[in-house]
């Protein structure tokens, strides 16, 4: 019912949608579920359940019918009456001079005025009240039940229960007085048994006055008066002593009762003896009697309309019913003709006529002579019945049919063991090649698994400080290295302060191994977190 968006549907899809909606209304199909997992009533009209196109709702829902734009600033909570937050032991500056609470002053204090206030006595300090402020919306300001505590109604219930108990006590006393007056002239031995006394004391409070009980099954309606019509009486068809449908089975998961239509479509007591039931659900009326015939008539009208017949059940019901009757007559005639043809061709095993000998024993009186090789000399051989499908037809040089071989959940040819249907037969050579390729693939997979298990060892190369391979006979001179380090420090100082640079600069392009080592040792690595502590 609650469609997400309007989209084009074919005639078949539209018919299936209508059938599904009817089944949901009848209780035969589960109700549609919205985004929150709640069931949608199938009786809701489509103009209410379908969401507008501009909401872009992908799933069926009824949120567009609710107030989904709520203002978060407003609240529905109420004041916590009588709540206390803090109880001080001594008077505090700025508190009420009368009671000692910080939440109000002396002028607005609701406590009895003391002879000497708490400010001077510093005793019996009242606790601080809980002060709250709410921003209510239009409805919250005018809600007369806002902040009402239902538990306060218990004193009203207690008052009514006490009044009912007093009434019962009074009635019982009146009954005892009447019983004493009735039995006052009799002896104690003539008094009835205790059971008779108890029966006399019992008060049937369910009994009502006969005049009030006469009108239990009448419903008054007003018709044609200034107030709505003249008062008339309509007899209610349900007897008062009948048990309501929803009281037959009080289980929550039993048959669903719809209070709007007063219908219970499923059987409320499915495990009960059918002979003892007096109500089996409303679906029993839908699936029996003329209701079933009317349903079949509707289905026939729909199918005939789909096949091109100009027929409509609601527009021309008499025509639809006449067409359905003629259809049933033709259908029965066709079934009888088909049955006669089958019995004429194959016979009737249920009939009392004896079967022919040829069919019973598979024998005949025809004489056929064969030679030693099995060839027919005299007579005619029995013809083998042929199938409409081709048999023993070999294609693409195969010597066996497709499906004569099975391996690894695949069908194939037995002659070459191929699983491709329209492949060319390769014979024994193809079988050997396939086996060799399978063995090679297994060997490659095993070698690959072994290679993955063994870790690859890489040889570590010894590199020089400037990035090239270190020769085995490389030896650095410590004195030259110390001199190179001093030169590097001087060069860095000159770069930092250009005033120390000389006017005539001599540049030497020759770089020794000690110079490269000194440059590497003095080089600043910007990614090094300890660079500020090295130099």
Protein backbone atom coordinates (compact mmCIF):
# COMPACT_ATOMS: atom_id res chain seq x y z
CA UNK A 1 0.00 0.00 0.00
CA UNK A 2 2.63 2.54 1.06
CA UNK A 3 4.49 2.92 -2.19
CA UNK A 4 7.85 4.67 -2.14
CA UNK A 5 7.62 6.37 -5.52
CA UNK A 6 5.37 6.29 -8.56
CA UNK A 7 6.91 4.28 -11.42
CA UNK A 8 5.60 2.75 -14.62
CA UNK A 9 4.23 -0.77 -14.27
CA UNK A 10 3.08 -3.18 -16.92
CA UNK A 11 -0.39 -4.61 -16.91
CA UNK A 12 0.85 -7.89 -15.47
CA UNK A 13 2.76 -6.17 -12.64
CA UNK A 14 -0.27 -3.97 -11.90
CA UNK A 15 -2.50 -7.04 -11.67
CA UNK A 16 -0.07 -8.79 -9.35
CA UNK A 17 0.09 -5.66 -7.17
CA UNK A 18 -3.73 -5.59 -6.92
CA UNK A 19 -3.84 -9.29 -6.02
CA UNK A 20 -1.19 -8.76 -3.35
CA UNK A 21 -3.15 -5.85 -1.86
CA UNK A 22 -6.33 -7.92 -1.79
CA UNK A 23 -4.47 -10.78 -0.10
CA UNK A 24 -3.10 -8.37 2.51
CA UNK A 25 -6.57 -6.99 3.17
CA UNK A 26 -7.92 -10.54 3.51
CA UNK A 27 -5.15 -11.50 5.93
CA UNK A 28 -3.68 -14.14 3.61
CA UNK A 29 -0.40 -12.27 3.06
CA UNK A 30 1.75 -10.51 5.66
CA UNK A 31 1.32 -6.76 5.94
CA UNK A 32 3.85 -4.39 4.41
CA UNK A 33 6.64 -3.21 6.72
CA UNK A 34 7.99 0.35 6.80
CA UNK A 35 11.55 1.56 7.48
CA UNK A 36 11.20 1.21 11.27
CA UNK A 37 9.95 -2.38 11.06
CA UNK A 38 6.32 -1.51 11.86
CA UNK A 39 3.44 -3.03 9.91
CA UNK A 40 1.40 -0.76 7.65
CA UNK A 41 -2.37 -1.13 7.75
CA UNK A 42 -3.44 -2.46 4.31
CA UNK A 43 -6.79 -0.63 4.57
CA UNK A 44 -5.13 2.81 4.37
CA UNK A 45 -6.08 4.51 1.06
CA UNK A 46 -3.39 4.96 -1.56
CA UNK A 47 -3.65 8.75 -1.61
CA UNK A 48 -2.64 8.74 2.06
CA UNK A 49 0.00 6.00 1.97
CA UNK A 50 1.88 7.09 -1.19
CA UNK A 51 4.66 9.56 -0.47
CA UNK A 52 5.11 12.73 -2.59
CA UNK A 53 7.69 12.52 -5.36
CA UNK A 54 9.86 15.30 -3.95
CA UNK A 55 10.63 13.34 -0.75
CA UNK A 56 12.59 10.72 -2.76
CA UNK A 57 11.57 7.93 -0.39
CA UNK A 58 13.04 4.59 -1.50
CA UNK A 59 11.15 2.38 0.97
CA UNK A 60 7.45 2.34 1.93
CA UNK A 61 6.75 4.52 4.92
CA UNK A 62 4.12 6.70 6.57
CA UNK A 63 6.54 9.34 7.86
CA UNK A 64 5.17 11.91 5.43
CA UNK A 65 1.84 11.75 7.33
CA UNK A 66 3.49 12.55 10.65
CA UNK A 67 5.02 15.74 11.96
CA UNK A 68 8.63 14.95 11.11
CA UNK A 69 9.87 18.57 11.37
CA UNK A 70 10.02 18.96 15.14
CA UNK A 71 11.70 21.94 16.75
CA UNK A 72 14.53 20.67 19.02
CA UNK A 73 14.41 23.84 21.13
CA UNK A 74 11.05 22.96 22.66
CA UNK A 75 10.62 20.33 25.35
CA UNK A 76 7.75 18.35 26.82
CA UNK A 77 9.23 17.84 30.28
CA UNK A 78 7.81 19.51 33.41
CA UNK A 79 8.95 20.79 36.76
CA UNK A 80 10.12 18.32 39.37
CA UNK A 81 7.80 19.39 42.15
CA UNK A 82 9.10 19.22 45.68
CA UNK A 83 12.61 18.17 44.68
CA UNK A 84 15.55 19.29 46.82
CA UNK A 85 19.13 19.59 45.62
CA UNK A 86 21.28 20.53 48.66
CA UNK A 87 20.80 20.76 52.43
CA UNK A 88 23.26 23.08 54.18
CA UNK A 89 24.25 22.82 57.82
CA UNK A 90 24.74 26.55 58.46
CA UNK A 91 23.52 29.85 57.09
CA UNK A 92 25.14 31.09 53.86
CA UNK A 93 25.52 34.65 52.70
CA UNK A 94 22.75 35.69 50.30
CA UNK A 95 20.31 33.00 51.48
CA UNK A 96 16.75 33.53 52.73
CA UNK A 97 16.78 35.20 56.15
CA UNK A 98 13.72 33.23 57.26
CA UNK A 99 14.50 29.61 56.29
CA UNK A 100 18.11 29.71 55.04
CA UNK A 101 17.56 28.38 51.46
CA UNK A 102 19.63 29.89 48.63
CA UNK A 103 16.95 29.58 45.92
CA UNK A 104 14.71 32.44 47.11
CA UNK A 105 14.73 35.53 49.33
CA UNK A 106 12.76 36.42 52.45
CA UNK A 107 9.99 38.16 50.52
CA UNK A 108 9.11 35.09 48.40
CA UNK A 109 9.65 32.52 51.18
CA UNK A 110 6.71 30.10 51.48
CA UNK A 111 7.65 28.82 54.96
CA UNK A 112 5.95 30.06 58.14
CA UNK A 113 7.62 33.26 59.36
CA UNK A 114 9.88 32.39 62.24
CA UNK A 115 10.18 34.50 65.38
CA UNK A 116 13.94 34.56 64.90
CA UNK A 117 15.07 33.77 61.39
CA UNK A 118 17.64 31.20 60.37
CA UNK A 119 20.11 34.02 59.65
CA UNK A 120 20.46 34.68 63.38
CA UNK A 121 19.76 31.25 64.89
CA UNK A 122 21.83 29.29 62.32
CA UNK A 123 19.53 26.31 63.00
CA UNK A 124 16.96 24.30 61.00
CA UNK A 125 18.32 25.41 57.63
CA UNK A 126 15.84 24.54 54.88
CA UNK A 127 17.17 22.63 51.82
CA UNK A 128 17.52 24.34 48.45
CA UNK A 129 14.67 23.78 45.98
CA UNK A 130 15.28 22.52 42.45
CA UNK A 131 14.71 25.50 40.13
CA UNK A 132 14.08 24.68 36.45
CA UNK A 133 13.11 26.67 33.37
CA UNK A 134 11.58 25.16 30.22
CA UNK A 135 10.88 26.56 26.78
CA UNK A 136 7.51 25.06 25.83
CA UNK A 137 5.86 25.17 22.43
CA UNK A 138 2.32 26.30 21.66
CA UNK A 139 0.71 22.99 22.64
CA UNK A 140 2.91 22.53 25.70
CA UNK A 141 1.83 25.85 27.19
CA UNK A 142 -1.86 24.96 26.79
CA UNK A 143 -1.69 21.30 27.82
CA UNK A 144 -3.82 21.07 30.96
CA UNK A 145 -2.43 17.61 31.76
CA UNK A 146 1.22 18.54 31.36
CA UNK A 147 3.15 17.51 34.47
CA UNK A 148 0.29 15.38 35.83
CA UNK A 149 1.42 12.37 37.85
CA UNK A 150 -0.94 9.38 37.37
CA UNK A 151 0.11 7.93 40.70
CA UNK A 152 -1.83 10.71 42.45
CA UNK A 153 -5.06 9.07 41.27
CA UNK A 154 -4.61 6.17 43.68
CA UNK A 155 -6.40 8.02 46.48
CA UNK A 156 -9.48 8.32 44.24
CA UNK A 157 -9.40 4.57 43.57
CA UNK A 158 -8.99 3.89 47.29
CA UNK A 159 -12.01 6.09 48.07
CA UNK A 160 -14.21 4.23 45.56
CA UNK A 161 -13.06 0.85 46.86
CA UNK A 162 -13.88 1.85 50.44
CA UNK A 163 -17.32 3.07 49.32
CA UNK A 164 -17.95 -0.24 47.48
CA UNK A 165 -16.87 -2.24 50.51
CA UNK A 166 -19.24 -0.24 52.77
CA UNK A 167 -22.10 -0.80 50.32
CA UNK A 168 -21.52 -4.56 50.29
CA UNK A 169 -21.36 -4.60 54.08
CA UNK A 170 -24.63 -2.70 54.34
CA UNK A 171 -26.40 -5.04 51.89
CA UNK A 172 -25.18 -8.07 53.75
CA UNK A 173 -26.51 -6.63 57.04
CA UNK A 174 -29.94 -6.00 55.48
CA UNK A 175 -30.01 -9.58 54.16
CA UNK A 176 -29.15 -10.92 57.62
CA UNK A 177 -31.98 -8.90 59.19
CA UNK A 178 -34.49 -10.28 56.69
CA UNK A 179 -33.25 -13.82 57.32
CA UNK A 180 -33.54 -13.41 61.10
CA UNK A 181 -37.10 -12.08 60.79
CA UNK A 182 -38.03 -15.00 58.56
CA UNK A 183 -36.58 -17.63 60.86
CA UNK A 184 -37.42 -15.89 64.17
CA UNK A 185 -40.50 -18.05 64.93
CA UNK A 186 -38.69 -21.35 64.35
CA UNK A 187 -36.58 -23.33 66.79
CA UNK A 188 -32.84 -23.69 66.53
CA UNK A 189 -33.25 -27.33 65.51
CA UNK A 190 -35.49 -26.43 62.62
CA UNK A 191 -32.95 -24.11 61.13
CA UNK A 192 -31.53 -25.35 57.82
CA UNK A 193 -28.03 -26.58 57.32
CA UNK A 194 -25.04 -24.32 56.96
CA UNK A 195 -25.11 -24.68 53.19
CA UNK A 196 -28.70 -23.41 53.04
CA UNK A 197 -27.73 -20.46 55.25
CA UNK A 198 -24.81 -19.62 52.97
CA UNK A 199 -27.08 -19.84 49.93
CA UNK A 200 -29.47 -17.43 51.61
CA UNK A 201 -26.67 -15.00 52.35
CA UNK A 202 -25.34 -15.00 48.78
CA UNK A 203 -26.14 -11.81 46.90
CA UNK A 204 -26.21 -11.97 43.15
CA UNK A 205 -24.99 -8.51 42.41
CA UNK A 206 -24.81 -9.29 38.70
CA UNK A 207 -28.60 -9.31 38.58
CA UNK A 208 -30.22 -6.15 37.35
CA UNK A 209 -33.74 -4.88 37.32
CA UNK A 210 -35.98 -6.63 34.82
CA UNK A 211 -37.03 -3.32 33.27
CA UNK A 212 -33.37 -2.43 32.60
CA UNK A 213 -32.60 -5.91 31.24
CA UNK A 214 -35.31 -5.72 28.58
CA UNK A 215 -33.44 -3.15 26.49
CA UNK A 216 -30.00 -4.80 26.46
CA UNK A 217 -30.14 -5.52 22.72
CA UNK A 218 -31.50 -2.18 21.53
CA UNK A 219 -29.52 0.59 19.87
CA UNK A 220 -31.15 3.99 19.49
CA UNK A 221 -30.65 6.03 16.34
CA UNK A 222 -31.89 9.55 15.62
CA UNK A 223 -33.47 10.11 12.21
CA UNK A 224 -35.03 13.32 10.83
CA UNK A 225 -35.31 15.65 13.78
CA UNK A 226 -33.84 19.00 14.59
CA UNK A 227 -31.16 17.22 16.57
CA UNK A 228 -30.55 14.69 13.82
CA UNK A 229 -33.74 12.69 13.42
CA UNK A 230 -36.61 10.94 15.15
CA UNK A 231 -35.64 8.37 17.71
CA UNK A 232 -35.92 4.82 16.41
CA UNK A 233 -34.88 1.44 17.82
CA UNK A 234 -32.66 -0.99 15.92
CA UNK A 235 -32.22 -4.52 17.20
CA UNK A 236 -28.58 -5.59 17.69
CA UNK A 237 -28.07 -8.96 15.99
CA UNK A 238 -25.38 -10.24 18.36
CA UNK A 239 -26.65 -12.05 21.42
CA UNK A 240 -25.22 -10.71 24.68
CA UNK A 241 -24.29 -14.18 25.94
CA UNK A 242 -22.06 -14.90 22.92
CA UNK A 243 -18.31 -14.84 23.57
CA UNK A 244 -16.52 -12.17 21.58
CA UNK A 245 -14.03 -13.30 18.93
CA UNK A 246 -11.07 -11.71 20.64
CA UNK A 247 -11.85 -13.58 23.90
CA UNK A 248 -11.71 -17.07 22.36
CA UNK A 249 -7.90 -17.16 22.54
CA UNK A 250 -6.11 -14.65 24.76
CA UNK A 251 -2.65 -15.51 23.39
CA UNK A 252 -0.93 -12.45 21.91
CA UNK A 253 0.44 -14.47 18.97
CA UNK A 254 -2.91 -16.02 18.08
CA UNK A 255 -5.23 -14.91 15.27
CA UNK A 256 -5.30 -11.14 14.64
CA UNK A 257 -8.51 -9.29 15.46
CA UNK A 258 -9.18 -6.09 13.51
CA UNK A 259 -11.25 -3.78 15.75
CA UNK A 260 -12.16 -1.49 12.87
CA UNK A 261 -13.93 -4.13 10.77
CA UNK A 262 -14.61 -6.48 13.73
CA UNK A 263 -13.14 -9.35 11.75
CA UNK A 264 -10.86 -12.22 12.71
CA UNK A 265 -9.85 -13.93 9.51
CA UNK A 266 -7.75 -16.79 10.90
CA UNK A 267 -8.87 -19.61 13.18
CA UNK A 268 -8.30 -18.56 16.82
CA UNK A 269 -8.28 -22.20 18.02
CA UNK A 270 -6.57 -24.30 15.32
CA UNK A 271 -5.73 -27.21 17.67
CA UNK A 272 -9.26 -27.64 18.96
CA UNK A 273 -11.55 -30.49 17.85
CA UNK A 274 -13.50 -29.34 14.75
CA UNK A 275 -16.69 -30.93 16.08
CA UNK A 276 -16.57 -28.71 19.18
CA UNK A 277 -15.87 -25.45 17.35
CA UNK A 278 -18.60 -22.92 16.67
CA UNK A 279 -16.29 -20.34 15.04
CA UNK A 280 -13.37 -21.13 12.69
CA UNK A 281 -12.53 -17.66 11.37
CA UNK A 282 -13.92 -15.39 8.69
CA UNK A 283 -11.75 -16.99 5.99
CA UNK A 284 -13.96 -20.07 6.16
CA UNK A 285 -16.79 -18.01 4.67
CA UNK A 286 -14.48 -16.68 1.96
CA UNK A 287 -13.31 -20.14 0.87
CA UNK A 288 -16.65 -21.94 0.81
CA UNK A 289 -20.08 -21.64 -0.76
CA UNK A 290 -20.89 -18.97 -3.32
CA UNK A 291 -17.92 -16.82 -2.27
CA UNK A 292 -15.53 -19.31 -3.89
CA UNK A 293 -17.63 -19.41 -7.08
CA UNK A 294 -17.65 -15.62 -7.23
CA UNK A 295 -13.86 -15.58 -6.84
CA UNK A 296 -13.45 -18.04 -9.73
CA UNK A 297 -15.81 -15.90 -11.81
CA UNK A 298 -13.64 -12.84 -11.18
CA UNK A 299 -10.47 -14.72 -12.13
CA UNK A 300 -12.07 -15.93 -15.36
CA UNK A 301 -13.14 -12.39 -16.24
CA UNK A 302 -9.60 -11.06 -15.67
CA UNK A 303 -7.99 -13.81 -17.75
CA UNK A 304 -10.50 -13.34 -20.57
CA UNK A 305 -9.88 -9.58 -20.58
CA UNK A 306 -6.11 -10.16 -20.82
CA UNK A 307 -6.62 -12.46 -23.82
CA UNK A 308 -8.59 -9.85 -25.74
CA UNK A 309 -12.21 -10.47 -24.69
CA UNK A 310 -14.27 -7.30 -24.17
CA UNK A 311 -15.60 -8.29 -20.76
CA UNK A 312 -15.73 -6.57 -17.39
CA UNK A 313 -17.13 -8.03 -14.17
CA UNK A 314 -18.32 -4.74 -12.70
CA UNK A 315 -19.56 -3.16 -15.94
CA UNK A 316 -21.45 -6.20 -17.29
CA UNK A 317 -21.81 -8.89 -14.61
CA UNK A 318 -24.53 -10.83 -16.45
CA UNK A 319 -22.41 -11.08 -19.57
CA UNK A 320 -19.40 -12.24 -17.53
CA UNK A 321 -21.46 -14.91 -15.76
CA UNK A 322 -22.96 -16.19 -19.03
CA UNK A 323 -19.52 -16.37 -20.61
CA UNK A 324 -18.19 -18.27 -17.61
CA UNK A 325 -21.01 -20.82 -17.82
CA UNK A 326 -20.36 -21.42 -21.52
CA UNK A 327 -16.64 -21.73 -20.77
CA UNK A 328 -17.30 -24.44 -18.16
CA UNK A 329 -19.52 -26.38 -20.58
CA UNK A 330 -16.86 -26.27 -23.32
CA UNK A 331 -14.17 -27.27 -20.85
CA UNK A 332 -16.11 -30.33 -19.65
CA UNK A 333 -16.82 -31.33 -23.26
CA UNK A 334 -13.16 -31.05 -24.18
CA UNK A 335 -12.10 -33.08 -21.15
CA UNK A 336 -14.57 -35.87 -22.03
CA UNK A 337 -13.32 -35.97 -25.65
CA UNK A 338 -9.69 -36.16 -24.52
CA UNK A 339 -10.58 -38.95 -22.09
CA UNK A 340 -12.35 -40.95 -24.82
CA UNK A 341 -9.34 -40.62 -27.16
CA UNK A 342 -6.93 -41.85 -24.51
CA UNK A 343 -9.15 -44.80 -23.60
CA UNK A 344 -9.60 -45.68 -27.24
CA UNK A 345 -5.84 -45.66 -27.83
CA UNK A 346 -4.59 -47.31 -24.61
CA UNK A 347 -7.68 -49.03 -23.25
CA UNK A 348 -9.33 -48.85 -19.90
CA UNK A 349 -7.76 -50.92 -17.13
CA UNK A 350 -10.76 -50.33 -14.87
CA UNK A 351 -13.23 -51.88 -17.29
CA UNK A 352 -14.35 -55.51 -17.00
CA UNK A 353 -13.42 -56.38 -20.62
CA UNK A 354 -10.40 -58.74 -20.91
CA UNK A 355 -7.21 -57.27 -22.35
CA UNK A 356 -5.88 -58.53 -25.71
CA UNK A 357 -3.30 -61.32 -25.56
CA UNK A 358 -0.71 -59.21 -27.36
CA UNK A 359 -0.88 -56.54 -24.66
CA UNK A 360 -1.16 -58.95 -21.75
CA UNK A 361 1.75 -61.37 -22.50
CA UNK A 362 3.56 -59.59 -25.30
CA UNK A 363 2.98 -62.62 -27.63
CA UNK A 364 1.47 -62.99 -31.08
CA UNK A 365 0.85 -65.75 -33.65
CA UNK A 366 3.16 -64.26 -36.26
CA UNK A 367 5.90 -66.74 -37.28
CA UNK A 368 9.47 -65.47 -37.80
CA UNK A 369 12.49 -67.66 -38.81
CA UNK A 370 16.15 -66.72 -38.06
CA UNK A 371 19.45 -68.18 -39.28
CA UNK A 372 22.51 -68.97 -37.17
CA UNK A 373 23.79 -65.41 -37.37
CA UNK A 374 20.49 -63.96 -36.17
CA UNK A 375 19.27 -62.61 -39.48
CA UNK A 376 15.59 -62.93 -40.42
CA UNK A 377 14.87 -65.58 -43.09
CA UNK A 378 11.08 -65.64 -43.02
CA UNK A 379 8.59 -63.20 -41.55
CA UNK A 380 8.84 -59.57 -40.54
CA UNK A 381 10.84 -58.28 -37.57
CA UNK A 382 9.13 -56.25 -34.88
CA UNK A 383 9.81 -52.60 -35.40
CA UNK A 384 11.68 -50.92 -32.59
CA UNK A 385 9.93 -47.69 -31.49
CA UNK A 386 12.03 -44.66 -32.26
CA UNK A 387 12.28 -41.53 -30.20
CA UNK A 388 11.76 -38.05 -31.61
CA UNK A 389 15.29 -37.19 -30.45
CA UNK A 390 18.40 -38.16 -32.40
CA UNK A 391 20.16 -41.24 -31.04
CA UNK A 392 23.67 -42.62 -31.69
CA UNK A 393 24.67 -39.62 -33.80
CA UNK A 394 28.42 -38.98 -33.49
CA UNK A 395 29.80 -35.56 -34.42
CA UNK A 396 33.30 -34.15 -34.89
CA UNK A 397 34.97 -37.58 -35.28
CA UNK A 398 33.78 -38.78 -31.84
CA UNK A 399 33.10 -42.47 -31.25
CA UNK A 400 30.84 -41.91 -28.22
CA UNK A 401 27.96 -39.60 -27.45
CA UNK A 402 28.00 -36.54 -25.23
CA UNK A 403 27.39 -37.51 -21.61
CA UNK A 404 29.14 -40.89 -21.77
CA UNK A 405 31.88 -39.70 -19.41
CA UNK A 406 31.74 -37.94 -16.00
CA UNK A 407 34.52 -36.38 -13.97
CA UNK A 408 34.73 -33.56 -11.43
CA UNK A 409 31.00 -32.75 -11.74
CA UNK A 410 31.28 -32.31 -15.54
CA UNK A 411 29.93 -34.33 -18.46
CA UNK A 412 32.04 -35.20 -21.49
CA UNK A 413 32.98 -37.67 -24.20
CA UNK A 414 34.34 -41.09 -23.21
CA UNK A 415 36.45 -41.48 -26.35
CA UNK A 416 38.71 -38.46 -25.71
CA UNK A 417 37.67 -37.41 -22.15
CA UNK A 418 36.88 -33.83 -23.17
CA UNK A 419 34.32 -31.77 -21.29
CA UNK A 420 33.66 -29.23 -24.09
CA UNK A 421 30.53 -30.28 -25.96
CA UNK A 422 31.30 -29.19 -29.54
CA UNK A 423 35.04 -30.02 -29.39
CA UNK A 424 36.85 -32.15 -31.99
CA UNK A 425 37.83 -35.67 -30.93
CA UNK A 426 41.59 -36.10 -30.37
CA UNK A 427 41.55 -39.75 -29.27
CA UNK A 428 44.24 -41.31 -27.11
CA UNK A 429 46.75 -38.60 -28.03
CA UNK A 430 44.45 -35.96 -26.58
CA UNK A 431 44.05 -37.99 -23.37
CA UNK A 432 47.82 -38.34 -22.96
CA UNK A 433 48.37 -34.61 -23.67
CA UNK A 434 45.72 -33.67 -21.13
CA UNK A 435 47.29 -35.91 -18.48
CA UNK A 436 50.77 -34.48 -19.21
CA UNK A 437 49.52 -30.91 -18.94
CA UNK A 438 47.76 -31.74 -15.65
CA UNK A 439 50.97 -33.27 -14.24
CA UNK A 440 52.99 -30.23 -15.37
CA UNK A 441 50.51 -27.86 -13.73
CA UNK A 442 50.69 -29.82 -10.45
CA UNK A 443 54.51 -29.74 -10.54
CA UNK A 444 54.50 -25.97 -11.17
CA UNK A 445 52.09 -25.39 -8.29
CA UNK A 446 54.22 -27.52 -5.94
CA UNK A 447 57.38 -25.66 -6.96
CA UNK A 448 55.67 -22.32 -6.40
CA UNK A 449 54.47 -23.33 -2.94
CA UNK A 450 57.98 -24.50 -2.00
CA UNK A 451 59.47 -21.23 -3.23
CA UNK A 452 57.02 -19.21 -1.13
CA UNK A 453 57.86 -21.19 1.98
CA UNK A 454 61.68 -20.67 1.69
CA UNK A 455 62.77 -17.07 2.48
CA UNK A 456 65.06 -15.36 -0.05
CA UNK A 457 68.47 -14.41 1.36
CA UNK A 458 69.91 -11.18 -0.05
CA UNK A 459 73.64 -10.47 0.19
CA UNK A 460 74.36 -7.22 1.98
CA UNK A 461 76.72 -5.03 0.01
CA UNK A 462 79.26 -2.94 1.83
CA UNK A 463 79.01 0.58 0.51
CA UNK A 464 81.36 3.45 0.92
CA UNK A 465 80.33 6.63 2.62
CA UNK A 466 79.79 8.39 -0.74
CA UNK A 467 77.60 5.60 -2.15
CA UNK A 468 79.99 3.41 -4.19
CA UNK A 469 81.17 -0.08 -3.42
CA UNK A 470 83.80 -0.23 -0.71
CA UNK A 471 87.00 -1.86 -1.89
CA UNK A 472 88.48 -4.49 0.38
CA UNK A 473 91.80 -2.65 0.74
CA UNK A 474 90.26 0.76 1.68
CA UNK A 475 92.04 2.30 4.69
CA UNK A 476 91.41 5.88 5.88
CA UNK A 477 94.26 7.91 7.33
CA UNK A 478 93.29 9.32 10.73
CA UNK A 479 95.48 12.45 10.44
CA UNK A 480 94.14 13.31 7.00
CA UNK A 481 90.64 12.67 8.28
CA UNK A 482 91.19 15.10 11.18
CA UNK A 483 92.46 17.74 8.77
CA UNK A 484 89.48 17.20 6.49
CA UNK A 485 87.12 17.66 9.44
CA UNK A 486 88.77 20.99 10.31
CA UNK A 487 88.51 22.14 6.67
CA UNK A 488 84.83 21.22 6.66
CA UNK A 489 84.21 23.24 9.83
CA UNK A 490 85.93 26.29 8.32
CA UNK A 491 83.94 25.94 5.12
CA UNK A 492 80.68 25.84 7.06
CA UNK A 493 81.63 28.93 9.10
CA UNK A 494 82.39 30.83 5.89
CA UNK A 495 78.99 29.82 4.50
CA UNK A 496 77.27 31.07 7.64
CA UNK A 497 79.19 34.38 7.74
CA UNK A 498 80.16 35.73 4.31
CA UNK A 499 82.29 38.53 5.86
CA UNK A 500 85.00 35.97 6.71
CA UNK A 501 85.31 34.91 3.09
CA UNK A 502 88.61 36.13 1.53
CA UNK A 503 88.76 38.31 -1.53
CA UNK A 504 90.86 35.93 -3.61
CA UNK A 505 89.34 32.47 -3.35
CA UNK A 506 91.23 29.45 -4.54
CA UNK A 507 89.15 26.39 -5.38
CA UNK A 508 90.46 22.84 -5.48
CA UNK A 509 88.44 20.22 -7.33
CA UNK A 510 90.36 17.28 -5.98
CA UNK A 511 88.33 15.37 -3.38
CA UNK A 512 89.98 12.64 -1.38
CA UNK A 513 88.38 9.76 0.45
CA UNK A 514 89.02 11.50 3.79
CA UNK A 515 87.24 14.66 2.51
CA UNK A 516 84.16 12.63 1.55
CA UNK A 517 84.15 10.92 4.93
CA UNK A 518 84.40 14.31 6.73
CA UNK A 519 81.56 15.74 4.60
CA UNK A 520 79.35 12.76 5.44
CA UNK A 521 80.11 13.04 9.15
CA UNK A 522 79.32 16.78 9.25
CA UNK A 523 76.26 16.61 7.00
CA UNK A 524 72.95 17.56 8.67
CA UNK A 525 70.12 15.08 8.17
CA UNK A 526 66.90 17.08 8.40
CA UNK A 527 64.81 13.99 9.08
CA UNK A 528 66.95 13.03 12.05
CA UNK A 529 65.10 13.86 15.33
CA UNK A 530 68.46 14.14 17.18
CA UNK A 531 70.06 16.60 14.73
CA UNK A 532 69.90 19.49 17.23
CA UNK A 533 72.01 17.55 19.73
CA UNK A 534 74.75 16.35 17.36
CA UNK A 535 76.38 19.67 16.38
